[in-house]
Amino acid sequence: MSVTPEAGATTIAPPIGFAPAGLPGCLEVLPRAADDERGRFVKFFHAPSYAARGLDHAFAEAFYTISRRGALRGMHLQLPPRAHAKLVWCIAGTMVDVLLDLRRGSPTYGEHVKLELDESVPRGLYIPPGVAHGFYTTSDRSILAYMVTTVHSPPHDSGVRWDTFGMEWPDSSPIVSARDALLPALAEFVTPFEFADRLDGKR
């Protein structure tokens, strides 16, 4: 039996929307924010919204990083069989966030996109397996929260060195960890990722 909404009934919008983020399967996460005299409330994860989009949302870990101005973290991903989808969210400060496509056969393989993340704008990023992620902090202090669909596995940690894929970062001499400085150049990275619909949140 179908039910017809009563005349004048209000349809409730989903709490989270999505928009393309420049690379196949990468999405901007656009929640509704509620502001009042106390501040702001933002719901950045709502399982039914992710499921309706066909996105992997069985998150296994959540963590955050605190970075100071000029710090660059990236470009990171985790290799199969511990590859994961990632949801990132700037909860303090501002940053330049960068995504790099490392999926063989992707129409955007080797290409990157740059997005500005700001705590004042309720927007996150959903990143599928095979897309490396990194960011540069442009405020005195930034906090980036992460949710990932597999547990961290050091033997499967990998990525591409920040200065080898054509990205024009705000600073040519950022603060980079010793680990990130030793990541391979894009030209040296042998990808195990194959582009496929199942990696891109499509069903």
N, C-alpha and C. Protein backbone atom coordinates (compact mmCIF):
# COMPACT_ATOMS: atom_id res chain seq x y z
N MET A 1 0.85 -1.19 0.00
CA MET A 1 0.00 0.00 0.00
C MET A 1 0.88 1.24 0.00
N SER A 2 0.63 2.16 -0.91
CA SER A 2 1.41 3.39 -0.95
C SER A 2 0.66 4.48 -0.19
N VAL A 3 1.42 5.38 0.38
CA VAL A 3 0.85 6.48 1.15
C VAL A 3 1.17 7.79 0.45
N THR A 4 0.19 8.60 0.19
CA THR A 4 0.38 9.89 -0.44
C THR A 4 0.48 10.97 0.62
N PRO A 5 1.53 11.78 0.58
CA PRO A 5 1.65 12.84 1.61
C PRO A 5 0.45 13.77 1.56
N GLU A 6 0.05 14.24 2.72
CA GLU A 6 -1.06 15.17 2.80
C GLU A 6 -0.67 16.49 2.15
N ALA A 7 -1.66 17.17 1.62
CA ALA A 7 -1.41 18.48 1.01
C ALA A 7 -0.79 19.40 2.03
N GLY A 8 0.25 20.09 1.62
CA GLY A 8 0.92 21.04 2.51
C GLY A 8 1.96 20.40 3.40
N ALA A 9 2.11 19.06 3.32
CA ALA A 9 3.11 18.39 4.14
C ALA A 9 4.51 18.81 3.70
N THR A 10 5.41 18.94 4.64
CA THR A 10 6.77 19.36 4.36
C THR A 10 7.67 18.14 4.21
N THR A 11 8.42 18.08 3.12
CA THR A 11 9.39 17.01 2.93
C THR A 11 10.68 17.38 3.65
N ILE A 12 11.15 16.47 4.49
CA ILE A 12 12.36 16.74 5.26
C ILE A 12 13.58 16.44 4.41
N ALA A 13 14.45 17.41 4.24
CA ALA A 13 15.66 17.23 3.45
C ALA A 13 16.63 16.30 4.19
N PRO A 14 17.39 15.50 3.46
CA PRO A 14 18.37 14.65 4.13
C PRO A 14 19.39 15.51 4.88
N PRO A 15 19.93 14.99 5.98
CA PRO A 15 20.85 15.81 6.78
C PRO A 15 22.19 16.06 6.10
N ILE A 16 22.53 15.24 5.09
CA ILE A 16 23.82 15.39 4.41
C ILE A 16 23.61 15.31 2.91
N GLY A 17 24.22 16.23 2.18
CA GLY A 17 24.23 16.18 0.73
C GLY A 17 25.64 15.93 0.23
N PHE A 18 25.77 15.65 -1.06
CA PHE A 18 27.07 15.37 -1.66
C PHE A 18 27.19 16.11 -2.99
N ALA A 19 28.43 16.47 -3.34
CA ALA A 19 28.70 17.11 -4.62
C ALA A 19 30.03 16.59 -5.15
N PRO A 20 30.21 16.51 -6.47
CA PRO A 20 31.49 16.05 -7.03
C PRO A 20 32.64 16.92 -6.56
N ALA A 21 33.80 16.28 -6.31
CA ALA A 21 34.96 17.01 -5.81
C ALA A 21 36.11 17.03 -6.81
N GLY A 22 35.82 16.78 -8.09
CA GLY A 22 36.84 16.98 -9.12
C GLY A 22 37.52 15.74 -9.64
N LEU A 23 37.53 14.65 -8.86
CA LEU A 23 38.07 13.36 -9.30
C LEU A 23 36.96 12.32 -9.16
N PRO A 24 36.87 11.34 -10.06
CA PRO A 24 35.80 10.34 -9.97
C PRO A 24 35.75 9.68 -8.60
N GLY A 25 34.57 9.67 -8.01
CA GLY A 25 34.38 9.02 -6.72
C GLY A 25 34.71 9.88 -5.52
N CYS A 26 35.39 11.00 -5.72
CA CYS A 26 35.69 11.92 -4.63
C CYS A 26 34.52 12.90 -4.50
N LEU A 27 34.07 13.09 -3.27
CA LEU A 27 32.87 13.88 -3.05
C LEU A 27 33.07 14.92 -1.96
N GLU A 28 32.49 16.09 -2.17
CA GLU A 28 32.33 17.03 -1.08
C GLU A 28 31.14 16.58 -0.25
N VAL A 29 31.30 16.59 1.05
CA VAL A 29 30.23 16.21 1.98
C VAL A 29 29.65 17.51 2.53
N LEU A 30 28.35 17.70 2.30
CA LEU A 30 27.71 18.99 2.58
C LEU A 30 26.55 18.80 3.56
N PRO A 31 26.83 18.90 4.85
CA PRO A 31 25.77 18.75 5.84
C PRO A 31 25.01 20.05 6.06
N ARG A 32 23.85 19.91 6.67
CA ARG A 32 23.14 21.09 7.13
C ARG A 32 23.70 21.48 8.50
N ALA A 33 23.93 22.75 8.71
CA ALA A 33 24.43 23.23 9.99
C ALA A 33 23.34 23.99 10.71
N ALA A 34 23.29 23.86 12.02
CA ALA A 34 22.31 24.58 12.85
C ALA A 34 23.07 25.57 13.74
N ASP A 35 22.81 26.83 13.51
CA ASP A 35 23.46 27.88 14.30
C ASP A 35 22.46 28.51 15.27
N ASP A 36 22.91 28.79 16.47
CA ASP A 36 22.10 29.54 17.43
C ASP A 36 23.02 30.34 18.33
N GLU A 37 22.46 30.90 19.41
CA GLU A 37 23.25 31.77 20.26
C GLU A 37 24.42 31.06 20.95
N ARG A 38 24.38 29.73 21.00
CA ARG A 38 25.47 28.97 21.63
C ARG A 38 26.62 28.71 20.68
N GLY A 39 26.33 28.71 19.37
CA GLY A 39 27.35 28.38 18.39
C GLY A 39 26.76 27.59 17.23
N ARG A 40 27.34 26.46 16.91
CA ARG A 40 26.93 25.69 15.73
C ARG A 40 26.90 24.20 16.02
N PHE A 41 25.93 23.52 15.40
CA PHE A 41 25.83 22.06 15.44
C PHE A 41 25.94 21.54 14.01
N VAL A 42 26.86 20.57 13.79
CA VAL A 42 27.05 19.98 12.46
C VAL A 42 27.08 18.47 12.59
N LYS A 43 26.23 17.79 11.83
CA LYS A 43 26.26 16.33 11.77
C LYS A 43 26.95 15.94 10.47
N PHE A 44 28.23 15.50 10.56
CA PHE A 44 28.97 15.23 9.34
C PHE A 44 28.94 13.76 8.92
N PHE A 45 28.38 12.90 9.77
CA PHE A 45 28.20 11.51 9.36
C PHE A 45 26.79 11.06 9.70
N HIS A 46 26.13 10.49 8.71
CA HIS A 46 24.77 9.97 8.85
C HIS A 46 24.71 8.74 7.95
N ALA A 47 24.77 7.54 8.55
CA ALA A 47 24.92 6.30 7.79
C ALA A 47 23.90 6.14 6.66
N PRO A 48 22.61 6.43 6.88
CA PRO A 48 21.65 6.27 5.77
C PRO A 48 21.97 7.14 4.56
N SER A 49 22.52 8.34 4.77
CA SER A 49 22.87 9.21 3.65
C SER A 49 24.00 8.61 2.83
N TYR A 50 24.99 8.04 3.52
CA TYR A 50 26.11 7.41 2.81
C TYR A 50 25.64 6.13 2.11
N ALA A 51 24.81 5.35 2.77
CA ALA A 51 24.31 4.12 2.17
C ALA A 51 23.49 4.41 0.93
N ALA A 52 22.66 5.46 0.98
CA ALA A 52 21.82 5.81 -0.17
C ALA A 52 22.66 6.20 -1.37
N ARG A 53 23.86 6.69 -1.12
CA ARG A 53 24.76 7.08 -2.20
C ARG A 53 25.61 5.90 -2.69
N GLY A 54 25.52 4.76 -1.99
CA GLY A 54 26.32 3.60 -2.35
C GLY A 54 27.76 3.67 -1.89
N LEU A 55 28.02 4.48 -0.87
CA LEU A 55 29.38 4.68 -0.38
C LEU A 55 29.71 3.70 0.73
N ASP A 56 30.95 3.23 0.74
CA ASP A 56 31.43 2.40 1.83
C ASP A 56 31.48 3.29 3.08
N HIS A 57 30.75 2.90 4.11
CA HIS A 57 30.71 3.73 5.32
C HIS A 57 30.89 2.90 6.58
N ALA A 58 31.50 1.70 6.43
CA ALA A 58 31.79 0.86 7.60
C ALA A 58 33.14 1.31 8.18
N PHE A 59 33.12 2.46 8.83
CA PHE A 59 34.36 3.03 9.32
C PHE A 59 34.91 2.23 10.50
N ALA A 60 36.24 1.99 10.47
CA ALA A 60 36.90 1.15 11.47
C ALA A 60 37.71 1.97 12.46
N GLU A 61 38.12 3.16 12.08
CA GLU A 61 38.93 4.01 12.95
C GLU A 61 38.56 5.47 12.75
N ALA A 62 38.76 6.24 13.80
CA ALA A 62 38.62 7.70 13.70
C ALA A 62 39.77 8.32 14.48
N PHE A 63 40.33 9.41 13.95
CA PHE A 63 41.45 10.07 14.62
C PHE A 63 41.52 11.51 14.11
N TYR A 64 42.43 12.31 14.68
CA TYR A 64 42.60 13.66 14.19
C TYR A 64 44.06 14.07 14.28
N THR A 65 44.44 15.06 13.48
CA THR A 65 45.77 15.63 13.53
C THR A 65 45.67 17.10 13.90
N ILE A 66 46.66 17.58 14.64
CA ILE A 66 46.80 19.00 14.95
C ILE A 66 48.08 19.47 14.27
N SER A 67 47.96 20.51 13.46
CA SER A 67 49.12 20.97 12.68
C SER A 67 49.30 22.48 12.86
N ARG A 68 50.53 22.94 12.75
CA ARG A 68 50.79 24.37 12.83
C ARG A 68 50.98 24.97 11.44
N ARG A 69 50.93 26.28 11.38
CA ARG A 69 51.03 26.97 10.09
C ARG A 69 52.29 26.51 9.34
N GLY A 70 52.13 26.22 8.06
CA GLY A 70 53.25 25.81 7.24
C GLY A 70 53.51 24.33 7.21
N ALA A 71 52.75 23.56 8.00
CA ALA A 71 52.93 22.11 8.00
C ALA A 71 52.21 21.49 6.81
N LEU A 72 52.87 20.52 6.19
CA LEU A 72 52.28 19.79 5.07
C LEU A 72 52.30 18.31 5.41
N ARG A 73 51.13 17.68 5.34
CA ARG A 73 51.01 16.24 5.56
C ARG A 73 50.53 15.62 4.25
N GLY A 74 51.27 14.64 3.73
CA GLY A 74 50.83 13.98 2.49
C GLY A 74 52.03 13.61 1.62
N MET A 75 51.68 12.97 0.52
CA MET A 75 50.34 12.57 0.08
C MET A 75 50.14 11.11 0.46
N HIS A 76 49.14 10.80 1.27
CA HIS A 76 49.03 9.50 1.92
C HIS A 76 47.90 8.65 1.36
N LEU A 77 48.11 7.32 1.39
CA LEU A 77 47.04 6.33 1.21
C LEU A 77 47.53 5.02 1.79
N GLN A 78 46.63 4.05 1.85
CA GLN A 78 46.95 2.72 2.36
C GLN A 78 46.72 1.72 1.24
N LEU A 79 47.66 0.78 1.09
CA LEU A 79 47.65 -0.16 -0.02
C LEU A 79 46.77 -1.39 0.24
N PRO A 80 46.29 -2.06 -0.82
CA PRO A 80 45.58 -3.33 -0.65
C PRO A 80 46.51 -4.35 0.01
N PRO A 81 45.97 -5.28 0.80
CA PRO A 81 44.52 -5.48 1.03
C PRO A 81 43.96 -4.63 2.17
N ARG A 82 44.71 -3.64 2.61
CA ARG A 82 44.26 -2.76 3.70
C ARG A 82 43.87 -1.37 3.19
N ALA A 83 43.59 -1.26 1.91
CA ALA A 83 43.17 0.03 1.36
C ALA A 83 41.86 0.47 2.01
N HIS A 84 41.64 1.78 2.05
CA HIS A 84 40.41 2.24 2.69
C HIS A 84 39.85 3.50 2.02
N ALA A 85 38.54 3.66 2.21
CA ALA A 85 37.90 4.93 1.94
C ALA A 85 38.12 5.82 3.16
N LYS A 86 38.10 7.12 2.92
CA LYS A 86 38.45 8.07 3.99
C LYS A 86 37.48 9.25 3.95
N LEU A 87 37.05 9.67 5.13
CA LEU A 87 36.26 10.88 5.29
C LEU A 87 37.08 11.85 6.13
N VAL A 88 37.31 13.06 5.61
CA VAL A 88 38.11 14.04 6.36
C VAL A 88 37.28 15.30 6.57
N TRP A 89 37.59 15.97 7.68
CA TRP A 89 36.78 17.12 8.09
C TRP A 89 37.65 18.12 8.84
N CYS A 90 37.71 19.36 8.38
CA CYS A 90 38.44 20.41 9.09
C CYS A 90 37.57 20.94 10.22
N ILE A 91 37.99 20.72 11.44
CA ILE A 91 37.20 21.18 12.58
C ILE A 91 37.82 22.38 13.29
N ALA A 92 39.01 22.79 12.86
CA ALA A 92 39.62 24.01 13.39
C ALA A 92 40.63 24.54 12.38
N GLY A 93 40.61 25.86 12.16
CA GLY A 93 41.58 26.47 11.29
C GLY A 93 41.22 26.41 9.82
N THR A 94 42.24 26.59 8.98
CA THR A 94 42.06 26.56 7.53
C THR A 94 43.20 25.78 6.90
N MET A 95 42.95 25.23 5.71
CA MET A 95 43.97 24.43 5.04
C MET A 95 43.69 24.34 3.55
N VAL A 96 44.75 24.04 2.81
CA VAL A 96 44.64 23.68 1.40
C VAL A 96 44.68 22.15 1.36
N ASP A 97 43.60 21.55 0.92
CA ASP A 97 43.48 20.09 0.90
C ASP A 97 43.63 19.61 -0.54
N VAL A 98 44.39 18.54 -0.74
CA VAL A 98 44.73 18.08 -2.09
C VAL A 98 44.46 16.58 -2.23
N LEU A 99 43.87 16.20 -3.37
CA LEU A 99 43.59 14.81 -3.70
C LEU A 99 44.33 14.46 -4.99
N LEU A 100 44.94 13.27 -5.04
CA LEU A 100 45.73 12.83 -6.18
C LEU A 100 45.26 11.44 -6.61
N ASP A 101 44.84 11.32 -7.86
CA ASP A 101 44.30 10.06 -8.39
C ASP A 101 45.43 9.11 -8.76
N LEU A 102 45.46 7.93 -8.11
CA LEU A 102 46.50 6.92 -8.37
C LEU A 102 45.89 5.61 -8.84
N ARG A 103 44.72 5.66 -9.47
CA ARG A 103 44.02 4.46 -9.93
C ARG A 103 44.28 4.24 -11.42
N ARG A 104 45.00 3.17 -11.72
CA ARG A 104 45.29 2.85 -13.12
C ARG A 104 43.99 2.70 -13.91
N GLY A 105 43.91 3.34 -15.07
CA GLY A 105 42.71 3.28 -15.89
C GLY A 105 41.72 4.38 -15.60
N SER A 106 41.96 5.19 -14.57
CA SER A 106 41.06 6.31 -14.26
C SER A 106 41.25 7.39 -15.32
N PRO A 107 40.17 8.06 -15.72
CA PRO A 107 40.31 9.16 -16.68
C PRO A 107 41.11 10.33 -16.12
N THR A 108 41.32 10.35 -14.81
CA THR A 108 42.09 11.44 -14.20
C THR A 108 43.35 10.91 -13.50
N TYR A 109 43.86 9.75 -13.95
CA TYR A 109 45.06 9.20 -13.30
C TYR A 109 46.21 10.22 -13.33
N GLY A 110 46.86 10.39 -12.18
CA GLY A 110 47.99 11.31 -12.07
C GLY A 110 47.59 12.76 -11.92
N GLU A 111 46.29 13.04 -11.98
CA GLU A 111 45.82 14.42 -11.82
C GLU A 111 45.45 14.68 -10.36
N HIS A 112 45.45 15.95 -10.01
CA HIS A 112 45.10 16.32 -8.63
C HIS A 112 44.08 17.44 -8.62
N VAL A 113 43.39 17.56 -7.50
CA VAL A 113 42.49 18.68 -7.28
C VAL A 113 42.83 19.33 -5.94
N LYS A 114 42.59 20.62 -5.86
CA LYS A 114 42.88 21.40 -4.65
C LYS A 114 41.58 22.00 -4.15
N LEU A 115 41.33 21.89 -2.84
CA LEU A 115 40.14 22.47 -2.24
C LEU A 115 40.55 23.22 -0.97
N GLU A 116 39.83 24.28 -0.67
CA GLU A 116 40.07 25.02 0.56
C GLU A 116 39.10 24.51 1.63
N LEU A 117 39.65 24.07 2.77
CA LEU A 117 38.81 23.66 3.88
C LEU A 117 38.95 24.68 5.00
N ASP A 118 37.82 24.99 5.63
CA ASP A 118 37.75 26.08 6.61
C ASP A 118 36.75 25.67 7.68
N GLU A 119 37.12 25.82 8.94
CA GLU A 119 36.22 25.42 10.03
C GLU A 119 34.89 26.16 9.98
N SER A 120 34.87 27.35 9.38
CA SER A 120 33.65 28.15 9.36
C SER A 120 32.66 27.69 8.29
N VAL A 121 33.11 26.83 7.39
CA VAL A 121 32.26 26.33 6.30
C VAL A 121 32.05 24.83 6.51
N PRO A 122 30.83 24.38 6.78
CA PRO A 122 30.60 22.96 7.04
C PRO A 122 30.72 22.12 5.77
N ARG A 123 31.93 21.63 5.52
CA ARG A 123 32.19 20.85 4.32
C ARG A 123 33.32 19.87 4.60
N GLY A 124 33.10 18.60 4.23
CA GLY A 124 34.13 17.59 4.35
C GLY A 124 34.41 16.96 3.00
N LEU A 125 35.28 15.94 2.99
CA LEU A 125 35.62 15.24 1.75
C LEU A 125 35.55 13.74 1.97
N TYR A 126 34.92 13.05 1.02
CA TYR A 126 34.90 11.59 1.00
C TYR A 126 35.87 11.16 -0.09
N ILE A 127 36.84 10.31 0.28
CA ILE A 127 37.94 9.95 -0.62
C ILE A 127 37.97 8.43 -0.79
N PRO A 128 37.78 7.91 -1.99
CA PRO A 128 37.76 6.46 -2.20
C PRO A 128 39.17 5.87 -2.20
N PRO A 129 39.29 4.54 -2.11
CA PRO A 129 40.60 3.90 -2.20
C PRO A 129 41.30 4.25 -3.50
N GLY A 130 42.62 4.38 -3.42
CA GLY A 130 43.40 4.68 -4.62
C GLY A 130 43.59 6.15 -4.89
N VAL A 131 43.04 7.01 -4.04
CA VAL A 131 43.23 8.45 -4.16
C VAL A 131 44.04 8.92 -2.95
N ALA A 132 45.23 9.47 -3.21
CA ALA A 132 46.08 9.95 -2.12
C ALA A 132 45.59 11.30 -1.63
N HIS A 133 45.84 11.56 -0.35
CA HIS A 133 45.33 12.77 0.30
C HIS A 133 46.45 13.48 1.04
N GLY A 134 46.41 14.80 1.00
CA GLY A 134 47.34 15.59 1.78
C GLY A 134 46.80 16.99 1.99
N PHE A 135 47.44 17.74 2.88
CA PHE A 135 46.99 19.12 3.11
C PHE A 135 48.12 19.97 3.65
N TYR A 136 47.94 21.28 3.50
CA TYR A 136 48.88 22.29 3.99
C TYR A 136 48.11 23.26 4.87
N THR A 137 48.60 23.50 6.08
CA THR A 137 47.90 24.37 7.03
C THR A 137 48.20 25.84 6.75
N THR A 138 47.14 26.62 6.56
CA THR A 138 47.28 28.04 6.26
C THR A 138 46.92 28.94 7.44
N SER A 139 46.48 28.36 8.55
CA SER A 139 46.17 29.12 9.76
C SER A 139 47.24 28.81 10.81
N ASP A 140 47.21 29.53 11.93
CA ASP A 140 48.21 29.28 12.97
C ASP A 140 48.13 27.85 13.49
N ARG A 141 46.94 27.29 13.46
CA ARG A 141 46.72 25.93 13.98
C ARG A 141 45.53 25.34 13.25
N SER A 142 45.62 24.07 12.89
CA SER A 142 44.47 23.42 12.26
C SER A 142 44.28 22.04 12.88
N ILE A 143 43.03 21.59 12.86
CA ILE A 143 42.70 20.23 13.30
C ILE A 143 41.90 19.58 12.18
N LEU A 144 42.38 18.42 11.73
CA LEU A 144 41.67 17.66 10.71
C LEU A 144 41.27 16.32 11.30
N ALA A 145 39.97 16.03 11.25
CA ALA A 145 39.45 14.75 11.73
C ALA A 145 39.32 13.78 10.55
N TYR A 146 39.57 12.50 10.83
CA TYR A 146 39.53 11.46 9.81
C TYR A 146 38.65 10.31 10.29
N MET A 147 37.94 9.68 9.37
CA MET A 147 37.32 8.38 9.59
C MET A 147 37.75 7.50 8.41
N VAL A 148 38.19 6.27 8.70
CA VAL A 148 38.69 5.38 7.64
C VAL A 148 38.04 4.00 7.80
N THR A 149 37.93 3.28 6.67
CA THR A 149 37.19 2.01 6.67
C THR A 149 38.05 0.79 6.95
N THR A 150 39.37 0.96 7.14
CA THR A 150 40.22 -0.13 7.62
C THR A 150 41.13 0.41 8.72
N VAL A 151 41.59 -0.47 9.57
CA VAL A 151 42.49 -0.09 10.65
C VAL A 151 43.87 0.23 10.07
N HIS A 152 44.53 1.19 10.68
CA HIS A 152 45.87 1.57 10.23
C HIS A 152 46.81 0.37 10.23
N SER A 153 47.52 0.18 9.12
CA SER A 153 48.46 -0.92 8.97
C SER A 153 49.79 -0.36 8.47
N PRO A 154 50.78 -0.17 9.34
CA PRO A 154 52.05 0.42 8.91
C PRO A 154 52.69 -0.25 7.69
N PRO A 155 52.64 -1.61 7.56
CA PRO A 155 53.26 -2.21 6.36
C PRO A 155 52.58 -1.81 5.05
N HIS A 156 51.33 -1.31 5.14
CA HIS A 156 50.60 -0.94 3.94
C HIS A 156 50.52 0.58 3.74
N ASP A 157 51.18 1.32 4.62
CA ASP A 157 51.26 2.77 4.46
C ASP A 157 52.04 3.11 3.20
N SER A 158 51.55 4.05 2.44
CA SER A 158 52.27 4.45 1.23
C SER A 158 51.83 5.86 0.84
N GLY A 159 52.27 6.27 -0.33
CA GLY A 159 51.90 7.59 -0.82
C GLY A 159 52.87 8.08 -1.87
N VAL A 160 52.76 9.36 -2.17
CA VAL A 160 53.57 10.01 -3.19
C VAL A 160 54.14 11.29 -2.59
N ARG A 161 55.39 11.59 -2.91
CA ARG A 161 56.02 12.78 -2.34
C ARG A 161 55.30 14.04 -2.81
N TRP A 162 55.15 14.96 -1.92
CA TRP A 162 54.31 16.15 -2.08
C TRP A 162 54.71 17.05 -3.25
N ASP A 163 55.99 17.04 -3.66
CA ASP A 163 56.49 17.99 -4.65
C ASP A 163 56.76 17.37 -6.01
N THR A 164 56.08 16.24 -6.33
CA THR A 164 56.44 15.51 -7.56
C THR A 164 55.28 15.33 -8.53
N PHE A 165 54.15 15.99 -8.30
CA PHE A 165 53.02 15.73 -9.19
C PHE A 165 52.38 17.01 -9.73
N GLY A 166 53.09 18.12 -9.63
CA GLY A 166 52.64 19.35 -10.27
C GLY A 166 51.78 20.27 -9.44
N MET A 167 51.57 19.95 -8.18
CA MET A 167 50.77 20.81 -7.32
C MET A 167 51.57 22.06 -6.94
N GLU A 168 50.95 23.23 -7.07
CA GLU A 168 51.56 24.49 -6.65
C GLU A 168 51.12 24.79 -5.22
N TRP A 169 51.89 24.33 -4.27
CA TRP A 169 51.58 24.53 -2.86
C TRP A 169 51.81 26.00 -2.48
N PRO A 170 51.19 26.47 -1.40
CA PRO A 170 51.39 27.86 -0.97
C PRO A 170 52.83 28.16 -0.56
N ASP A 171 53.60 27.12 -0.24
CA ASP A 171 54.95 27.29 0.29
C ASP A 171 55.86 26.26 -0.39
N SER A 172 56.99 26.70 -0.90
CA SER A 172 57.92 25.78 -1.55
C SER A 172 58.82 25.06 -0.56
N SER A 173 58.80 25.49 0.72
CA SER A 173 59.61 24.84 1.76
C SER A 173 58.75 24.59 3.00
N PRO A 174 57.74 23.74 2.89
CA PRO A 174 56.84 23.50 4.02
C PRO A 174 57.51 22.64 5.09
N ILE A 175 56.84 22.54 6.23
CA ILE A 175 57.29 21.64 7.29
C ILE A 175 56.79 20.24 6.94
N VAL A 176 57.71 19.33 6.68
CA VAL A 176 57.37 17.98 6.23
C VAL A 176 58.07 16.97 7.12
N SER A 177 57.40 15.88 7.44
CA SER A 177 58.02 14.85 8.26
C SER A 177 59.09 14.10 7.47
N ALA A 178 60.01 13.46 8.19
CA ALA A 178 61.05 12.66 7.54
C ALA A 178 60.42 11.55 6.71
N ARG A 179 59.35 10.97 7.23
CA ARG A 179 58.67 9.89 6.50
C ARG A 179 58.12 10.40 5.18
N ASP A 180 57.42 11.54 5.20
CA ASP A 180 56.82 12.06 3.98
C ASP A 180 57.88 12.49 2.97
N ALA A 181 59.03 12.96 3.45
CA ALA A 181 60.09 13.39 2.54
C ALA A 181 60.68 12.21 1.77
N LEU A 182 60.51 10.99 2.29
CA LEU A 182 61.07 9.80 1.65
C LEU A 182 60.06 9.04 0.79
N LEU A 183 58.84 9.54 0.68
CA LEU A 183 57.86 8.89 -0.19
C LEU A 183 58.33 8.96 -1.64
N PRO A 184 57.94 7.98 -2.47
CA PRO A 184 58.39 8.00 -3.86
C PRO A 184 57.75 9.12 -4.66
N ALA A 185 58.44 9.54 -5.71
CA ALA A 185 57.87 10.50 -6.65
C ALA A 185 56.73 9.83 -7.40
N LEU A 186 55.83 10.63 -7.96
CA LEU A 186 54.72 10.07 -8.73
C LEU A 186 55.24 9.17 -9.85
N ALA A 187 56.28 9.58 -10.52
CA ALA A 187 56.81 8.80 -11.64
C ALA A 187 57.37 7.45 -11.20
N GLU A 188 57.70 7.31 -9.91
CA GLU A 188 58.27 6.07 -9.39
C GLU A 188 57.23 5.19 -8.70
N PHE A 189 56.06 5.72 -8.49
CA PHE A 189 55.03 4.98 -7.74
C PHE A 189 54.38 3.95 -8.67
N VAL A 190 54.46 2.69 -8.26
CA VAL A 190 53.83 1.61 -9.02
C VAL A 190 52.49 1.31 -8.35
N THR A 191 51.42 1.71 -8.99
CA THR A 191 50.12 1.61 -8.32
C THR A 191 49.54 0.20 -8.38
N PRO A 192 48.98 -0.26 -7.27
CA PRO A 192 48.25 -1.53 -7.27
C PRO A 192 46.76 -1.33 -7.48
N PHE A 193 46.34 -0.07 -7.67
CA PHE A 193 44.91 0.25 -7.75
C PHE A 193 44.44 0.26 -9.20
N GLU A 194 43.30 -0.38 -9.43
CA GLU A 194 42.64 -0.36 -10.73
C GLU A 194 41.36 0.45 -10.60
N PHE A 195 41.13 1.33 -11.55
CA PHE A 195 39.91 2.12 -11.54
C PHE A 195 38.71 1.23 -11.86
N ALA A 196 37.71 1.30 -11.02
CA ALA A 196 36.49 0.51 -11.22
C ALA A 196 35.35 1.20 -10.49
N ASP A 197 34.11 0.96 -10.98
CA ASP A 197 32.97 1.58 -10.34
C ASP A 197 32.90 1.26 -8.86
N ARG A 198 33.30 0.07 -8.48
CA ARG A 198 33.17 -0.33 -7.07
C ARG A 198 34.07 0.51 -6.16
N LEU A 199 35.08 1.15 -6.74
CA LEU A 199 35.94 2.01 -5.93
C LEU A 199 35.42 3.42 -5.84
N ASP A 200 34.34 3.72 -6.56
CA ASP A 200 33.93 5.11 -6.72
C ASP A 200 32.56 5.43 -6.14
N GLY A 201 32.06 4.59 -5.24
CA GLY A 201 30.79 4.91 -4.62
C GLY A 201 29.63 4.80 -5.58
N LYS A 202 29.72 3.91 -6.58
CA LYS A 202 28.63 3.74 -7.53
C LYS A 202 28.11 2.32 -7.41
N ARG A 203 26.84 2.14 -7.64
CA ARG A 203 26.23 0.82 -7.59
C ARG A 203 25.30 0.66 -8.76
